[in-house]
Amino acid sequence: MPLNLTPNIADADGFYDELLAAHQDLTKDDSDAFNARLILTLANHIGDREILRAAINAAK
């Protein structure tokens, strides 16, 4: 299964608002730690190393 790079989030604006709200009142260090936990949680959910590798390369 190839990495899906087309928009695929229902209510993307609502998701973005939730993501910003999750960072509200966090210090830079806490925000960075939150991002790391979120990335690892989503990577675990995906689980496919080829997809994860493709996502890392796409993010570069």
N, C-alpha and C. Protein backbone atom coordinates (compact mmCIF):
# COMPACT_ATOMS: atom_id res chain seq x y z
N MET A 1 0.86 -1.18 0.00
CA MET A 1 0.00 0.00 0.00
C MET A 1 0.90 1.24 0.00
N PRO A 2 0.76 2.11 -0.98
CA PRO A 2 1.58 3.33 -1.01
C PRO A 2 1.09 4.38 -0.01
N LEU A 3 1.97 5.28 0.32
CA LEU A 3 1.63 6.37 1.24
C LEU A 3 0.60 7.29 0.58
N ASN A 4 -0.46 7.58 1.29
CA ASN A 4 -1.51 8.48 0.79
C ASN A 4 -1.12 9.92 1.11
N LEU A 5 -0.85 10.71 0.09
CA LEU A 5 -0.47 12.11 0.28
C LEU A 5 -1.58 13.07 -0.15
N THR A 6 -2.74 12.54 -0.51
CA THR A 6 -3.87 13.41 -0.86
C THR A 6 -4.65 13.73 0.41
N PRO A 7 -5.32 14.88 0.46
CA PRO A 7 -6.10 15.23 1.65
C PRO A 7 -7.07 14.09 2.01
N ASN A 8 -7.05 13.69 3.29
CA ASN A 8 -7.81 12.51 3.69
C ASN A 8 -8.37 12.63 5.11
N ILE A 9 -8.44 13.84 5.65
CA ILE A 9 -8.93 14.05 7.01
C ILE A 9 -10.30 14.70 6.94
N ALA A 10 -11.30 14.02 7.47
CA ALA A 10 -12.63 14.62 7.55
C ALA A 10 -12.56 15.83 8.48
N ASP A 11 -13.15 16.93 8.08
CA ASP A 11 -13.13 18.16 8.87
C ASP A 11 -11.70 18.55 9.24
N ALA A 12 -10.87 18.73 8.23
CA ALA A 12 -9.46 19.05 8.44
C ALA A 12 -9.29 20.33 9.27
N ASP A 13 -10.14 21.32 9.05
CA ASP A 13 -10.04 22.55 9.84
C ASP A 13 -10.34 22.29 11.31
N GLY A 14 -11.32 21.45 11.58
CA GLY A 14 -11.64 21.09 12.95
C GLY A 14 -10.49 20.34 13.61
N PHE A 15 -9.86 19.43 12.86
CA PHE A 15 -8.70 18.71 13.38
C PHE A 15 -7.57 19.68 13.71
N TYR A 16 -7.31 20.61 12.80
CA TYR A 16 -6.25 21.60 13.02
C TYR A 16 -6.54 22.42 14.28
N ASP A 17 -7.79 22.82 14.46
CA ASP A 17 -8.17 23.56 15.67
C ASP A 17 -7.91 22.74 16.93
N GLU A 18 -8.25 21.44 16.89
CA GLU A 18 -8.01 20.57 18.04
C GLU A 18 -6.51 20.43 18.32
N LEU A 19 -5.73 20.31 17.25
CA LEU A 19 -4.28 20.18 17.41
C LEU A 19 -3.69 21.45 18.03
N LEU A 20 -4.13 22.60 17.56
CA LEU A 20 -3.66 23.86 18.14
C LEU A 20 -4.09 23.98 19.60
N ALA A 21 -5.32 23.59 19.90
CA ALA A 21 -5.82 23.66 21.28
C ALA A 21 -5.02 22.76 22.21
N ALA A 22 -4.57 21.61 21.70
CA ALA A 22 -3.77 20.70 22.52
C ALA A 22 -2.44 21.32 22.91
N HIS A 23 -1.95 22.26 22.12
CA HIS A 23 -0.67 22.92 22.39
C HIS A 23 -0.82 24.19 23.24
N GLN A 24 -2.05 24.64 23.39
CA GLN A 24 -2.29 25.88 24.12
C GLN A 24 -1.75 25.77 25.54
N ASP A 25 -1.05 26.79 25.96
CA ASP A 25 -0.49 26.90 27.31
C ASP A 25 0.67 25.95 27.58
N LEU A 26 1.17 25.24 26.57
CA LEU A 26 2.33 24.39 26.75
C LEU A 26 3.60 25.20 26.53
N THR A 27 4.63 24.86 27.28
CA THR A 27 5.94 25.45 27.00
C THR A 27 6.46 24.84 25.70
N LYS A 28 7.52 25.41 25.16
CA LYS A 28 8.13 24.87 23.94
C LYS A 28 8.56 23.42 24.17
N ASP A 29 9.18 23.14 25.30
CA ASP A 29 9.61 21.77 25.59
C ASP A 29 8.43 20.82 25.72
N ASP A 30 7.37 21.25 26.39
CA ASP A 30 6.18 20.42 26.53
C ASP A 30 5.49 20.21 25.19
N SER A 31 5.48 21.24 24.35
CA SER A 31 4.90 21.13 23.02
C SER A 31 5.69 20.14 22.17
N ASP A 32 7.01 20.22 22.23
CA ASP A 32 7.86 19.28 21.50
C ASP A 32 7.63 17.85 21.99
N ALA A 33 7.51 17.68 23.30
CA ALA A 33 7.27 16.34 23.86
C ALA A 33 5.90 15.82 23.42
N PHE A 34 4.89 16.69 23.41
CA PHE A 34 3.56 16.30 22.95
C PHE A 34 3.64 15.83 21.50
N ASN A 35 4.33 16.61 20.65
CA ASN A 35 4.46 16.23 19.24
C ASN A 35 5.13 14.88 19.09
N ALA A 36 6.17 14.63 19.86
CA ALA A 36 6.87 13.34 19.80
C ALA A 36 5.93 12.20 20.20
N ARG A 37 5.17 12.39 21.27
CA ARG A 37 4.23 11.35 21.70
C ARG A 37 3.16 11.11 20.65
N LEU A 38 2.66 12.18 20.06
CA LEU A 38 1.63 12.05 19.02
C LEU A 38 2.18 11.30 17.81
N ILE A 39 3.38 11.66 17.38
CA ILE A 39 4.01 10.98 16.23
C ILE A 39 4.18 9.50 16.51
N LEU A 40 4.69 9.17 17.70
CA LEU A 40 4.91 7.76 18.04
C LEU A 40 3.60 6.99 18.17
N THR A 41 2.57 7.64 18.70
CA THR A 41 1.26 7.00 18.80
C THR A 41 0.70 6.70 17.42
N LEU A 42 0.77 7.68 16.51
CA LEU A 42 0.26 7.48 15.16
C LEU A 42 1.11 6.48 14.38
N ALA A 43 2.43 6.51 14.57
CA ALA A 43 3.31 5.54 13.91
C ALA A 43 2.98 4.13 14.38
N ASN A 44 2.74 3.97 15.67
CA ASN A 44 2.36 2.65 16.19
C ASN A 44 1.04 2.19 15.58
N HIS A 45 0.10 3.11 15.43
CA HIS A 45 -1.19 2.76 14.83
C HIS A 45 -1.01 2.30 13.38
N ILE A 46 -0.17 3.00 12.64
CA ILE A 46 0.08 2.65 11.23
C ILE A 46 0.80 1.30 11.18
N GLY A 47 1.89 1.20 11.91
CA GLY A 47 2.60 -0.07 12.07
C GLY A 47 3.40 -0.57 10.88
N ASP A 48 3.13 -0.15 9.70
CA ASP A 48 3.79 -0.63 8.49
C ASP A 48 5.09 0.14 8.27
N ARG A 49 6.23 -0.55 8.39
CA ARG A 49 7.53 0.12 8.29
C ARG A 49 7.74 0.79 6.94
N GLU A 50 7.26 0.20 5.87
CA GLU A 50 7.42 0.81 4.55
C GLU A 50 6.65 2.12 4.46
N ILE A 51 5.45 2.14 4.99
CA ILE A 51 4.64 3.38 5.00
C ILE A 51 5.32 4.41 5.88
N LEU A 52 5.80 4.01 7.05
CA LEU A 52 6.47 4.94 7.95
C LEU A 52 7.73 5.51 7.31
N ARG A 53 8.50 4.66 6.63
CA ARG A 53 9.71 5.13 5.93
C ARG A 53 9.33 6.13 4.84
N ALA A 54 8.28 5.84 4.10
CA ALA A 54 7.83 6.75 3.04
C ALA A 54 7.37 8.08 3.65
N ALA A 55 6.71 8.02 4.80
CA ALA A 55 6.26 9.25 5.45
C ALA A 55 7.45 10.09 5.92
N ILE A 56 8.47 9.44 6.48
CA ILE A 56 9.68 10.17 6.90
C ILE A 56 10.31 10.84 5.69
N ASN A 57 10.44 10.10 4.59
CA ASN A 57 11.05 10.67 3.39
C ASN A 57 10.21 11.81 2.81
N ALA A 58 8.89 11.68 2.84
CA ALA A 58 8.02 12.73 2.33
C ALA A 58 8.13 13.99 3.21
N ALA A 59 8.31 13.80 4.50
CA ALA A 59 8.40 14.94 5.42
C ALA A 59 9.73 15.69 5.28
N LYS A 60 10.74 15.00 4.77
CA LYS A 60 12.04 15.66 4.59
C LYS A 60 11.92 16.74 3.55
